[in-house]
PDB file of N, CA and C in Angstrom:
ATOM      1  N   MET A   1      -4.327  12.686   0.946  1.00  0.00           N
ATOM      2  CA  MET A   1      -4.309  11.710  -0.372  1.00  0.00           C
ATOM      3  C   MET A   1      -4.999  12.675  -1.413  1.00  0.00           C
ATOM      4  N   GLU A   2      -5.214  12.010  -2.401  1.00  0.00           N
ATOM      5  CA  GLU A   2      -5.544  12.678  -3.681  1.00  0.00           C
ATOM      6  C   GLU A   2      -6.922  12.464  -4.200  1.00  0.00           C
ATOM      7  N   THR A   3      -7.473  13.187  -5.104  1.00  0.00           N
ATOM      8  CA  THR A   3      -8.575  12.981  -5.803  1.00  0.00           C
ATOM      9  C   THR A   3      -8.491  11.855  -6.651  1.00  0.00           C
ATOM     10  N   ALA A   4      -9.817  11.468  -6.903  1.00  0.00           N
ATOM     11  CA  ALA A   4     -10.209  10.481  -7.984  1.00  0.00           C
ATOM     12  C   ALA A   4      -9.516  10.554  -9.234  1.00  0.00           C
ATOM     13  N   SER A   5      -9.668  11.830  -9.883  1.00  0.00           N
ATOM     14  CA  SER A   5      -9.385  12.231 -10.940  1.00  0.00           C
ATOM     15  C   SER A   5      -7.696  11.896 -11.078  1.00  0.00           C
ATOM     16  N   ARG A   6      -7.146  12.711 -10.091  1.00  0.00           N
ATOM     17  CA  ARG A   6      -5.771  12.706 -10.074  1.00  0.00           C
ATOM     18  C   ARG A   6      -5.258  11.332  -9.831  1.00  0.00           C
ATOM     19  N   ARG A   7      -5.975  10.482  -9.057  1.00  0.00           N
ATOM     20  CA  ARG A   7      -5.284   9.070  -8.922  1.00  0.00           C
ATOM     21  C   ARG A   7      -5.524   8.397 -10.083  1.00  0.00           C
ATOM     22  N   GLY A   8      -6.536   8.554 -10.864  1.00  0.00           N
ATOM     23  CA  GLY A   8      -6.704   7.839 -11.934  1.00  0.00           C
ATOM     24  C   GLY A   8      -5.424   8.178 -12.968  1.00  0.00           C
ATOM     25  N   ARG A   9      -5.369   9.531 -13.091  1.00  0.00           N
ATOM     26  CA  ARG A   9      -3.978   9.950 -14.451  1.00  0.00           C
ATOM     27  C   ARG A   9      -2.711   9.375 -13.659  1.00  0.00           C
ATOM     28  N   ARG A  10      -2.457   9.075 -12.372  1.00  0.00           N
ATOM     29  CA  ARG A  10      -1.246   8.665 -11.788  1.00  0.00           C
ATOM     30  C   ARG A  10      -1.287   7.044 -11.851  1.00  0.00           C
ATOM     31  N   LEU A  11      -2.587   6.372 -11.716  1.00  0.00           N
ATOM     32  CA  LEU A  11      -2.564   5.063 -11.764  1.00  0.00           C
ATOM     33  C   LEU A  11      -2.055   4.668 -13.132  1.00  0.00           C
ATOM     34  N   GLY A  12      -2.716   5.408 -14.145  1.00  0.00           N
ATOM     35  CA  GLY A  12      -2.600   5.327 -15.628  1.00  0.00           C
ATOM     36  C   GLY A  12      -1.011   5.265 -16.091  1.00  0.00           C
ATOM     37  N   ARG A  13      -0.286   5.988 -15.332  1.00  0.00           N
ATOM     38  CA  ARG A  13       1.188   6.074 -15.268  1.00  0.00           C
ATOM     39  C   ARG A  13       1.763   4.637 -15.184  1.00  0.00           C
ATOM     40  N   MET A  14       1.427   4.124 -14.331  1.00  0.00           N
ATOM     41  CA  MET A  14       2.052   2.900 -14.053  1.00  0.00           C
ATOM     42  C   MET A  14       1.857   1.975 -15.300  1.00  0.00           C
ATOM     43  N   SER A  15       3.091   1.030 -15.307  1.00  0.00           N
ATOM     44  CA  SER A  15       3.165  -0.160 -16.039  1.00  0.00           C
ATOM     45  C   SER A  15       1.949  -1.264 -15.879  1.00  0.00           C
ATOM     46  N   PRO A  16       1.723  -1.767 -16.951  1.00  0.00           N
ATOM     47  CA  PRO A  16       0.782  -2.923 -16.684  1.00  0.00           C
ATOM     48  C   PRO A  16       1.192  -3.854 -15.598  1.00  0.00           C
ATOM     49  N   PHE A  17       2.275  -4.076 -15.475  1.00  0.00           N
ATOM     50  CA  PHE A  17       2.791  -5.119 -14.518  1.00  0.00           C
ATOM     51  C   PHE A  17       2.663  -4.635 -13.263  1.00  0.00           C
ATOM     52  N   ASP A  18       3.146  -3.168 -13.240  1.00  0.00           N
ATOM     53  CA  ASP A  18       3.019  -2.512 -11.574  1.00  0.00           C
ATOM     54  C   ASP A  18       1.226  -2.511 -11.094  1.00  0.00           C
ATOM     55  N   ALA A  19       0.455  -2.297 -12.175  1.00  0.00           N
ATOM     56  CA  ALA A  19      -0.840  -2.243 -11.966  1.00  0.00           C
ATOM     57  C   ALA A  19      -1.297  -3.677 -11.585  1.00  0.00           C
ATOM     58  N   HIS A  20      -0.474  -4.830 -12.182  1.00  0.00           N
ATOM     59  CA  HIS A  20      -1.333  -6.205 -11.655  1.00  0.00           C
ATOM     60  C   HIS A  20      -0.789  -6.471 -10.472  1.00  0.00           C
ATOM     61  N   VAL A  21       0.483  -6.057 -10.138  1.00  0.00           N
ATOM     62  CA  VAL A  21       1.254  -6.428  -9.078  1.00  0.00           C
ATOM     63  C   VAL A  21       0.466  -5.788  -7.760  1.00  0.00           C
ATOM     64  N   LEU A  22      -0.197  -4.396  -8.169  1.00  0.00           N
ATOM     65  CA  LEU A  22      -0.918  -3.890  -6.756  1.00  0.00           C
ATOM     66  C   LEU A  22      -2.148  -4.360  -6.853  1.00  0.00           C
ATOM     67  N   GLN A  23      -2.695  -4.684  -7.963  1.00  0.00           N
ATOM     68  CA  GLN A  23      -4.497  -5.269  -7.869  1.00  0.00           C
ATOM     69  C   GLN A  23      -4.109  -6.541  -6.914  1.00  0.00           C
ATOM     70  N   ARG A  24      -3.238  -7.488  -7.299  1.00  0.00           N
ATOM     71  CA  ARG A  24      -3.272  -8.635  -6.369  1.00  0.00           C
ATOM     72  C   ARG A  24      -2.800  -8.494  -4.808  1.00  0.00           C
ATOM     73  N   VAL A  25      -1.967  -7.435  -4.628  1.00  0.00           N
ATOM     74  CA  VAL A  25      -1.760  -7.088  -3.199  1.00  0.00           C
ATOM     75  C   VAL A  25      -2.933  -6.699  -2.617  1.00  0.00           C
ATOM     76  N   GLN A  26      -3.396  -5.604  -3.247  1.00  0.00           N
ATOM     77  CA  GLN A  26      -4.947  -5.305  -2.998  1.00  0.00           C
ATOM     78  C   GLN A  26      -5.905  -6.266  -2.524  1.00  0.00           C
ATOM     79  N   GLY A  27      -6.181  -7.051  -3.440  1.00  0.00           N
ATOM     80  CA  GLY A  27      -6.901  -8.166  -3.348  1.00  0.00           C
ATOM     81  C   GLY A  27      -6.705  -8.989  -1.889  1.00  0.00           C
ATOM     82  N   ALA A  28      -5.149  -9.197  -1.944  1.00  0.00           N
ATOM     83  CA  ALA A  28      -4.681  -9.980  -0.801  1.00  0.00           C
ATOM     84  C   ALA A  28      -5.289  -9.315   0.562  1.00  0.00           C
ATOM     85  N   VAL A  29      -4.983  -8.193   0.605  1.00  0.00           N
ATOM     86  CA  VAL A  29      -5.302  -7.301   1.821  1.00  0.00           C
ATOM     87  C   VAL A  29      -6.713  -7.443   2.207  1.00  0.00           C
ATOM     88  N   ARG A  30      -7.661  -6.947   1.046  1.00  0.00           N
ATOM     89  CA  ARG A  30      -9.060  -6.936   1.244  1.00  0.00           C
ATOM     90  C   ARG A  30      -9.483  -8.101   1.579  1.00  0.00           C
ATOM     91  N   ARG A  31      -9.399  -9.632   1.253  1.00  0.00           N
ATOM     92  CA  ARG A  31      -9.737 -10.760   1.537  1.00  0.00           C
ATOM     93  C   ARG A  31      -9.739 -10.867   3.117  1.00  0.00           C
ATOM     94  N   HIS A  32      -8.663 -10.525   3.995  1.00  0.00           N
ATOM     95  CA  HIS A  32      -8.419 -10.587   5.131  1.00  0.00           C
ATOM     96  C   HIS A  32      -8.912  -9.350   5.910  1.00  0.00           C
ATOM     97  N   ALA A  33      -8.978  -8.196   5.213  1.00  0.00           N
ATOM     98  CA  ALA A  33      -9.175  -7.027   5.847  1.00  0.00           C
ATOM     99  C   ALA A  33     -10.209  -6.006   4.828  1.00  0.00           C
ATOM    100  N   PRO A  34     -11.319  -6.505   4.701  1.00  0.00           N
ATOM    101  CA  PRO A  34     -12.096  -5.812   3.767  1.00  0.00           C
ATOM    102  C   PRO A  34     -12.162  -4.156   4.148  1.00  0.00           C
ATOM    103  N   ALA A  35     -12.398  -3.738   4.961  1.00  0.00           N
ATOM    104  CA  ALA A  35     -12.490  -2.309   5.311  1.00  0.00           C
ATOM    105  C   ALA A  35     -10.890  -1.712   5.372  1.00  0.00           C
ATOM    106  N   ALA A  36     -10.140  -2.008   4.986  1.00  0.00           N
ATOM    107  CA  ALA A  36      -8.781  -1.432   5.095  1.00  0.00           C
ATOM    108  C   ALA A  36      -8.771  -0.411   4.276  1.00  0.00           C
ATOM    109  N   SER A  37      -7.772   0.474   4.149  1.00  0.00           N
ATOM    110  CA  SER A  37      -7.162   1.595   3.314  1.00  0.00           C
ATOM    111  C   SER A  37      -6.229   1.037   2.732  1.00  0.00           C
ATOM    112  N   VAL A  38      -6.106   0.804   1.468  1.00  0.00           N
ATOM    113  CA  VAL A  38      -4.888   0.733   0.854  1.00  0.00           C
ATOM    114  C   VAL A  38      -4.156   1.526  -0.137  1.00  0.00           C
ATOM    115  N   VAL A  39      -2.788   1.920   0.342  1.00  0.00           N
ATOM    116  CA  VAL A  39      -2.214   2.970  -0.474  1.00  0.00           C
ATOM    117  C   VAL A  39      -1.037   2.776  -0.853  1.00  0.00           C
ATOM    118  N   VAL A  40      -0.589   3.039  -2.026  1.00  0.00           N
ATOM    119  CA  VAL A  40       0.581   2.715  -2.681  1.00  0.00           C
ATOM    120  C   VAL A  40       1.573   4.156  -2.612  1.00  0.00           C
ATOM    121  N   TYR A  41       2.557   4.061  -2.271  1.00  0.00           N
ATOM    122  CA  TYR A  41       3.406   5.301  -1.941  1.00  0.00           C
ATOM    123  C   TYR A  41       5.160   5.159  -2.557  1.00  0.00           C
ATOM    124  N   GLY A  42       5.855   5.936  -2.117  1.00  0.00           N
ATOM    125  CA  GLY A  42       7.244   5.948  -2.790  1.00  0.00           C
ATOM    126  C   GLY A  42       7.511   5.712  -4.395  1.00  0.00           C
ATOM    127  N   SER A  43       8.824   5.060  -4.680  1.00  0.00           N
ATOM    128  CA  SER A  43       8.767   5.218  -6.270  1.00  0.00           C
ATOM    129  C   SER A  43       7.744   4.878  -7.255  1.00  0.00           C
ATOM    130  N   THR A  44       7.119   3.831  -6.884  1.00  0.00           N
ATOM    131  CA  THR A  44       5.784   3.333  -7.723  1.00  0.00           C
ATOM    132  C   THR A  44       4.735   4.699  -7.780  1.00  0.00           C
ATOM    133  N   ALA A  45       4.511   5.365  -7.032  1.00  0.00           N
ATOM    134  CA  ALA A  45       3.391   6.237  -6.778  1.00  0.00           C
ATOM    135  C   ALA A  45       4.063   7.487  -7.276  1.00  0.00           C
ATOM    136  N   ARG A  46       5.219   7.575  -7.426  1.00  0.00           N
ATOM    137  CA  ARG A  46       5.982   8.948  -7.997  1.00  0.00           C
ATOM    138  C   ARG A  46       6.290   8.641  -9.477  1.00  0.00           C
ATOM    139  N   GLY A  47       5.920   7.358 -10.005  1.00  0.00           N
ATOM    140  CA  GLY A  47       6.446   6.935 -11.370  1.00  0.00           C
ATOM    141  C   GLY A  47       7.820   6.781 -11.348  1.00  0.00           C
ATOM    142  N   ALA A  48       8.646   6.604 -10.294  1.00  0.00           N
ATOM    143  CA  ALA A  48      10.139   6.450 -10.434  1.00  0.00           C
ATOM    144  C   ALA A  48      10.563   4.997 -10.526  1.00  0.00           C
ATOM    145  N   ARG A  49       9.634   4.085 -10.398  1.00  0.00           N
ATOM    146  CA  ARG A  49      10.033   2.805 -10.061  1.00  0.00           C
ATOM    147  C   ARG A  49      11.022   2.211 -11.234  1.00  0.00           C
ATOM    148  N   THR A  50      12.183   1.576 -10.419  1.00  0.00           N
ATOM    149  CA  THR A  50      12.986   0.586 -11.284  1.00  0.00           C
ATOM    150  C   THR A  50      12.762  -0.880 -11.073  1.00  0.00           C
ATOM    151  N   ASP A  51      13.589  -1.565 -11.747  1.00  0.00           N
ATOM    152  CA  ASP A  51      13.534  -3.003 -11.782  1.00  0.00           C
ATOM    153  C   ASP A  51      13.726  -3.458 -10.049  1.00  0.00           C
ATOM    154  N   GLU A  52      14.741  -2.543  -9.707  1.00  0.00           N
ATOM    155  CA  GLU A  52      15.265  -2.943  -8.118  1.00  0.00           C
ATOM    156  C   GLU A  52      14.448  -2.209  -7.219  1.00  0.00           C
ATOM    157  N   SER A  53      13.304  -1.484  -7.482  1.00  0.00           N
ATOM    158  CA  SER A  53      12.331  -0.998  -6.676  1.00  0.00           C
ATOM    159  C   SER A  53      11.735  -1.748  -5.795  1.00  0.00           C
ATOM    160  N   ASP A  54      11.239  -1.948  -4.624  1.00  0.00           N
ATOM    161  CA  ASP A  54       9.849  -2.577  -4.174  1.00  0.00           C
ATOM    162  C   ASP A  54       8.809  -1.658  -4.240  1.00  0.00           C
ATOM    163  N   TYR A  55       7.683  -2.365  -3.832  1.00  0.00           N
ATOM    164  CA  TYR A  55       6.594  -1.845  -3.944  1.00  0.00           C
ATOM    165  C   TYR A  55       6.158  -1.514  -2.500  1.00  0.00           C
ATOM    166  N   ASP A  56       6.088  -0.134  -2.048  1.00  0.00           N
ATOM    167  CA  ASP A  56       5.872   0.276  -0.713  1.00  0.00           C
ATOM    168  C   ASP A  56       4.167   0.359  -0.525  1.00  0.00           C
ATOM    169  N   VAL A  57       3.506  -0.352   0.188  1.00  0.00           N
ATOM    170  CA  VAL A  57       2.194  -0.163   0.692  1.00  0.00           C
ATOM    171  C   VAL A  57       1.840  -0.099   2.138  1.00  0.00           C
ATOM    172  N   LEU A  58       0.895   0.806   2.074  1.00  0.00           N
ATOM    173  CA  LEU A  58       0.489   1.455   3.346  1.00  0.00           C
ATOM    174  C   LEU A  58      -0.987   0.889   3.833  1.00  0.00           C
ATOM    175  N   VAL A  59      -1.144  -0.047   4.688  1.00  0.00           N
ATOM    176  CA  VAL A  59      -2.724  -0.768   4.986  1.00  0.00           C
ATOM    177  C   VAL A  59      -3.049  -0.084   6.149  1.00  0.00           C
ATOM    178  N   VAL A  60      -4.257   0.471   6.360  1.00  0.00           N
ATOM    179  CA  VAL A  60      -4.673   1.302   7.374  1.00  0.00           C
ATOM    180  C   VAL A  60      -5.929   0.776   7.811  1.00  0.00           C
ATOM    181  N   THR A  61      -6.222   0.065   8.946  1.00  0.00           N
ATOM    182  CA  THR A  61      -7.164  -0.650   9.531  1.00  0.00           C
ATOM    183  C   THR A  61      -7.925   0.050  10.252  1.00  0.00           C
ATOM    184  N   PRO A  62      -9.416  -0.078  10.525  1.00  0.00           N
ATOM    185  CA  PRO A  62     -10.059   0.836  10.895  1.00  0.00           C
ATOM    186  C   PRO A  62      -9.642   0.476  12.718  1.00  0.00           C
ATOM    187  N   SER A  63      -9.419  -0.710  12.762  1.00  0.00           N
ATOM    188  CA  SER A  63      -8.974  -1.121  14.426  1.00  0.00           C
ATOM    189  C   SER A  63      -7.683  -2.062  14.149  1.00  0.00           C
ATOM    190  N   PRO A  64      -6.996  -1.917  15.297  1.00  0.00           N
ATOM    191  CA  PRO A  64      -5.703  -2.994  15.166  1.00  0.00           C
ATOM    192  C   PRO A  64      -5.882  -4.068  14.701  1.00  0.00           C
ATOM    193  N   MET A  65      -5.210  -5.004  13.744  1.00  0.00           N
ATOM    194  CA  MET A  65      -5.212  -6.218  13.278  1.00  0.00           C
ATOM    195  C   MET A  65      -4.780  -7.249  14.423  1.00  0.00           C
ATOM    196  N   ASP A  66      -5.812  -8.310  14.377  1.00  0.00           N
ATOM    197  CA  ASP A  66      -5.102  -9.289  15.213  1.00  0.00           C
ATOM    198  C   ASP A  66      -4.019 -10.250  14.253  1.00  0.00           C
ATOM    199  N   LYS A  67      -3.460 -10.893  15.385  1.00  0.00           N
ATOM    200  CA  LYS A  67      -2.332 -11.679  14.688  1.00  0.00           C
ATOM    201  C   LYS A  67      -2.446 -12.663  13.714  1.00  0.00           C
ATOM    202  N   SER A  68      -3.807 -13.070  13.609  1.00  0.00           N
ATOM    203  CA  SER A  68      -4.007 -14.208  12.658  1.00  0.00           C
ATOM    204  C   SER A  68      -4.267 -13.296  11.330  1.00  0.00           C
ATOM    205  N   THR A  69      -5.016 -12.286  11.339  1.00  0.00           N
ATOM    206  CA  THR A  69      -5.259 -11.506  10.062  1.00  0.00           C
ATOM    207  C   THR A  69      -3.910 -10.982   9.411  1.00  0.00           C
ATOM    208  N   ASP A  70      -2.970 -10.283  10.664  1.00  0.00           N
ATOM    209  CA  ASP A  70      -1.535  -9.936   9.865  1.00  0.00           C
ATOM    210  C   ASP A  70      -0.809 -11.003   9.152  1.00  0.00           C
ATOM    211  N   GLU A  71      -0.950 -12.240   9.939  1.00  0.00           N
ATOM    212  CA  GLU A  71      -0.162 -13.388   9.325  1.00  0.00           C
ATOM    213  C   GLU A  71      -0.780 -13.743   7.926  1.00  0.00           C
ATOM    214  N   ALA A  72      -1.947 -13.879   7.895  1.00  0.00           N
ATOM    215  CA  ALA A  72      -2.855 -14.267   6.781  1.00  0.00           C
ATOM    216  C   ALA A  72      -2.577 -13.271   5.585  1.00  0.00           C
ATOM    217  N   ILE A  73      -2.328 -11.759   5.529  1.00  0.00           N
ATOM    218  CA  ILE A  73      -2.112 -10.980   4.965  1.00  0.00           C
ATOM    219  C   ILE A  73      -0.574 -10.924   4.413  1.00  0.00           C
ATOM    220  N   GLN A  74       0.276 -11.096   5.495  1.00  0.00           N
ATOM    221  CA  GLN A  74       1.813 -11.400   5.149  1.00  0.00           C
ATOM    222  C   GLN A  74       1.969 -12.365   3.962  1.00  0.00           C
ATOM    223  N   ARG A  75       1.252 -13.923   4.741  1.00  0.00           N
ATOM    224  CA  ARG A  75       1.379 -15.038   3.885  1.00  0.00           C
ATOM    225  C   ARG A  75       0.894 -14.723   2.281  1.00  0.00           C
ATOM    226  N   ASP A  76      -0.277 -14.130   2.028  1.00  0.00           N
ATOM    227  CA  ASP A  76      -0.767 -13.932   0.767  1.00  0.00           C
ATOM    228  C   ASP A  76       0.227 -13.230  -0.082  1.00  0.00           C
ATOM    229  N   VAL A  77       0.755 -12.025   0.665  1.00  0.00           N
ATOM    230  CA  VAL A  77       1.490 -11.298  -0.079  1.00  0.00           C
ATOM    231  C   VAL A  77       2.853 -11.713  -0.333  1.00  0.00           C
ATOM    232  N   TYR A  78       3.399 -12.707   0.598  1.00  0.00           N
ATOM    233  CA  TYR A  78       4.615 -13.456   0.202  1.00  0.00           C
ATOM    234  C   TYR A  78       4.564 -14.513  -0.874  1.00  0.00           C
ATOM    235  N   ALA A  79       3.150 -14.935  -0.993  1.00  0.00           N
ATOM    236  CA  ALA A  79       2.900 -15.897  -2.227  1.00  0.00           C
ATOM    237  C   ALA A  79       3.248 -14.880  -3.553  1.00  0.00           C
ATOM    238  N   ILE A  80       2.631 -13.566  -3.657  1.00  0.00           N
ATOM    239  CA  ILE A  80       2.580 -12.809  -4.568  1.00  0.00           C
ATOM    240  C   ILE A  80       4.056 -12.423  -5.012  1.00  0.00           C
ATOM    241  N   GLU A  81       4.641 -11.995  -3.846  1.00  0.00           N
ATOM    242  CA  GLU A  81       6.130 -11.648  -4.027  1.00  0.00           C
ATOM    243  C   GLU A  81       6.867 -12.940  -4.807  1.00  0.00           C
ATOM    244  N   LEU A  82       6.668 -14.329  -4.516  1.00  0.00           N
ATOM    245  CA  LEU A  82       7.388 -15.393  -4.847  1.00  0.00           C
ATOM    246  C   LEU A  82       6.957 -15.400  -6.445  1.00  0.00           C
ATOM    247  N   ASP A  83       5.456 -15.457  -6.688  1.00  0.00           N
ATOM    248  CA  ASP A  83       5.030 -15.723  -8.059  1.00  0.00           C
ATOM    249  C   ASP A  83       5.408 -14.703  -8.773  1.00  0.00           C
ATOM    250  N   LEU A  84       5.702 -13.501  -8.561  1.00  0.00           N
ATOM    251  CA  LEU A  84       5.976 -12.199  -9.551  1.00  0.00           C
ATOM    252  C   LEU A  84       7.439 -12.190  -9.558  1.00  0.00           C
ATOM    253  N   ALA A  85       8.089 -12.489  -8.379  1.00  0.00           N
ATOM    254  CA  ALA A  85       9.407 -12.170  -8.276  1.00  0.00           C
ATOM    255  C   ALA A  85       9.715 -10.585  -7.924  1.00  0.00           C
ATOM    256  N   VAL A  86       8.959 -10.248  -6.991  1.00  0.00           N
ATOM    257  CA  VAL A  86       8.929  -8.679  -6.500  1.00  0.00           C
ATOM    258  C   VAL A  86       9.099  -8.722  -5.097  1.00  0.00           C
ATOM    259  N   VAL A  87       9.583  -7.479  -4.595  1.00  0.00           N
ATOM    260  CA  VAL A  87       9.437  -7.498  -3.049  1.00  0.00           C
ATOM    261  C   VAL A  87       8.150  -6.044  -2.667  1.00  0.00           C
ATOM    262  N   VAL A  88       7.142  -6.827  -2.244  1.00  0.00           N
ATOM    263  CA  VAL A  88       6.440  -5.790  -1.184  1.00  0.00           C
ATOM    264  C   VAL A  88       6.856  -5.427   0.040  1.00  0.00           C
ATOM    265  N   SER A  89       6.695  -4.112   0.335  1.00  0.00           N
ATOM    266  CA  SER A  89       7.019  -3.623   1.844  1.00  0.00           C
ATOM    267  C   SER A  89       5.808  -3.012   2.227  1.00  0.00           C
ATOM    268  N   LEU A  90       5.301  -3.554   3.468  1.00  0.00           N
ATOM    269  CA  LEU A  90       3.827  -3.380   4.129  1.00  0.00           C
ATOM    270  C   LEU A  90       4.191  -2.517   5.145  1.00  0.00           C
ATOM    271  N   VAL A  91       3.577  -1.518   5.385  1.00  0.00           N
ATOM    272  CA  VAL A  91       3.149  -0.873   6.683  1.00  0.00           C
ATOM    273  C   VAL A  91       1.875  -1.042   7.003  1.00  0.00           C
ATOM    274  N   CYS A  92       1.191  -1.527   8.338  1.00  0.00           N
ATOM    275  CA  CYS A  92      -0.066  -1.680   8.695  1.00  0.00           C
ATOM    276  C   CYS A  92      -0.441  -0.955  10.017  1.00  0.00           C
ATOM    277  N   PRO A  93      -0.538   0.284  10.148  1.00  0.00           N
ATOM    278  CA  PRO A  93      -1.065   0.679  11.383  1.00  0.00           C
ATOM    279  C   PRO A  93      -2.691   0.622  11.472  1.00  0.00           C
ATOM    280  N   ALA A  94      -3.109   0.882  12.593  1.00  0.00           N
ATOM    281  CA  ALA A  94      -4.321   1.042  12.712  1.00  0.00           C
ATOM    282  C   ALA A  94      -4.682   2.470  12.403  1.00  0.00           C
ATOM    283  N   ALA A  95      -6.132   2.997  12.001  1.00  0.00           N
ATOM    284  CA  ALA A  95      -6.408   4.197  12.020  1.00  0.00           C
ATOM    285  C   ALA A  95      -5.958   5.242  13.108  1.00  0.00           C
ATOM    286  N   ALA A  96      -6.156   4.803  14.157  1.00  0.00           N
ATOM    287  CA  ALA A  96      -5.978   5.473  15.532  1.00  0.00           C
ATOM    288  C   ALA A  96      -4.345   5.941  15.584  1.00  0.00           C
ATOM    289  N   GLN A  97      -3.460   4.833  15.208  1.00  0.00           N
ATOM    290  CA  GLN A  97      -2.362   5.248  15.087  1.00  0.00           C
ATOM    291  C   GLN A  97      -2.051   6.180  14.012  1.00  0.00           C
ATOM    292  N   TRP A  98      -2.167   5.543  12.813  1.00  0.00           N
ATOM    293  CA  TRP A  98      -1.837   6.496  11.608  1.00  0.00           C
ATOM    294  C   TRP A  98      -2.491   8.020  11.775  1.00  0.00           C
ATOM    295  N   ASN A  99      -3.619   8.370  12.275  1.00  0.00           N
ATOM    296  CA  ASN A  99      -3.988   9.486  12.795  1.00  0.00           C
ATOM    297  C   ASN A  99      -3.803  10.214  13.789  1.00  0.00           C
ATOM    298  N   SER A 100      -2.861   9.870  14.659  1.00  0.00           N
ATOM    299  CA  SER A 100      -2.307  10.440  15.811  1.00  0.00           C
ATOM    300  C   SER A 100      -1.427  11.691  15.629  1.00  0.00           C
ATOM    301  N   ALA A 101      -1.255  12.478  16.426  1.00  0.00           N
ATOM    302  CA  ALA A 101      -0.853  13.623  16.511  1.00  0.00           C
ATOM    303  C   ALA A 101       0.818  13.264  16.060  1.00  0.00           C
ATOM    304  N   LEU A 102       1.303  12.347  17.056  1.00  0.00           N
ATOM    305  CA  LEU A 102       2.528  11.933  16.644  1.00  0.00           C
ATOM    306  C   LEU A 102       3.079  11.405  15.429  1.00  0.00           C
ATOM    307  N   MET A 103       2.189  10.662  14.540  1.00  0.00           N
ATOM    308  CA  MET A 103       2.277   9.952  13.225  1.00  0.00           C
ATOM    309  C   MET A 103       2.194  11.403  12.222  1.00  0.00           C
ATOM    310  N   SER A 104       1.324  12.338  12.511  1.00  0.00           N
ATOM    311  CA  SER A 104       1.255  13.328  11.834  1.00  0.00           C
ATOM    312  C   SER A 104       2.226  14.135  11.314  1.00  0.00           C
ATOM    313  N   ALA A 105       3.196  14.095  12.386  1.00  0.00           N
ATOM    314  CA  ALA A 105       4.363  15.028  12.660  1.00  0.00           C
ATOM    315  C   ALA A 105       5.649  14.343  11.908  1.00  0.00           C
ATOM    316  N   THR A 106       5.410  12.971  11.384  1.00  0.00           N
ATOM    317  CA  THR A 106       6.546  12.114  10.831  1.00  0.00           C
ATOM    318  C   THR A 106       6.705  12.539   9.609  1.00  0.00           C
ATOM    319  N   PRO A 107       8.029  12.492   9.043  1.00  0.00           N
ATOM    320  CA  PRO A 107       8.487  12.527   7.342  1.00  0.00           C
ATOM    321  C   PRO A 107       7.625  11.674   6.668  1.00  0.00           C
ATOM    322  N   PHE A 108       7.724  10.408   7.091  1.00  0.00           N
ATOM    323  CA  PHE A 108       6.937   9.488   6.821  1.00  0.00           C
ATOM    324  C   PHE A 108       5.417   9.646   6.044  1.00  0.00           C
ATOM    325  N   ARG A 109       4.681  10.092   7.182  1.00  0.00           N
ATOM    326  CA  ARG A 109       3.273  10.437   7.186  1.00  0.00           C
ATOM    327  C   ARG A 109       3.132  11.684   6.055  1.00  0.00           C
ATOM    328  N   ARG A 110       3.991  12.553   6.063  1.00  0.00           N
ATOM    329  CA  ARG A 110       3.849  13.561   5.332  1.00  0.00           C
ATOM    330  C   ARG A 110       4.213  13.375   3.763  1.00  0.00           C
ATOM    331  N   ALA A 111       5.055  12.393   3.428  1.00  0.00           N
ATOM    332  CA  ALA A 111       5.628  11.857   2.039  1.00  0.00           C
ATOM    333  C   ALA A 111       4.492  10.819   1.510  1.00  0.00           C
ATOM    334  N   VAL A 112       3.908  10.024   2.776  1.00  0.00           N
ATOM    335  CA  VAL A 112       2.726   9.309   2.224  1.00  0.00           C
ATOM    336  C   VAL A 112       1.391  10.146   1.714  1.00  0.00           C
ATOM    337  N   GLU A 113       1.148  11.364   2.225  1.00  0.00           N
ATOM    338  CA  GLU A 113       0.047  12.289   2.011  1.00  0.00           C
ATOM    339  C   GLU A 113       0.480  12.706   1.129  1.00  0.00           C
ATOM    340  N   ALA A 114       1.922  13.386   0.490  1.00  0.00           N
ATOM    341  CA  ALA A 114       2.287  14.087  -0.553  1.00  0.00           C
ATOM    342  C   ALA A 114       2.026  13.324  -1.960  1.00  0.00           C
ATOM    343  N   GLU A 115       2.492  11.903  -1.710  1.00  0.00           N
ATOM    344  CA  GLU A 115       2.641  11.132  -2.997  1.00  0.00           C
ATOM    345  C   GLU A 115       1.854   9.684  -2.946  1.00  0.00           C
ATOM    346  N   GLY A 116       1.178   9.432  -1.975  1.00  0.00           N
ATOM    347  CA  GLY A 116       0.482   8.263  -2.025  1.00  0.00           C
ATOM    348  C   GLY A 116      -0.698   8.443  -2.857  1.00  0.00           C
ATOM    349  N   ILE A 117      -1.295   7.216  -3.307  1.00  0.00           N
ATOM    350  CA  ILE A 117      -2.303   6.860  -4.399  1.00  0.00           C
ATOM    351  C   ILE A 117      -3.216   5.617  -3.990  1.00  0.00           C
ATOM    352  N   ARG A 118      -4.469   6.156  -3.324  1.00  0.00           N
ATOM    353  CA  ARG A 118      -5.258   5.092  -2.671  1.00  0.00           C
ATOM    354  C   ARG A 118      -5.598   4.109  -3.867  1.00  0.00           C
ATOM    355  N   LEU A 119      -5.684   2.715  -3.535  1.00  0.00           N
ATOM    356  CA  LEU A 119      -5.949   1.854  -4.395  1.00  0.00           C
ATOM    357  C   LEU A 119      -7.562   1.522  -4.216  1.00  0.00           C
TER     358      LEU A 119
END
């Protein structure tokens, strides 16, 4: 991931609407999984988001989420999607899975590491 100063510069390039969406998503995640790490990646993180883009969000939890926590996060994020007419794509691995050798070798992991912005 990136340093705080670099993150601040990249977050500053986001539109106020994008920042609002991500603040609400982060709040929804933290309400149910306070220790989770929340990272935006993809076109929003690269500053290339268009009106047709979704918001790609990685949520890494210290341990696997139980079904009720996962459903609560999905429900709250769905409400945000409806309220703001956006699409949020969540990927929610536990830290052990995210930090595994297998995941570290994937193009997905490399892309998130290169462009992800920790919220």
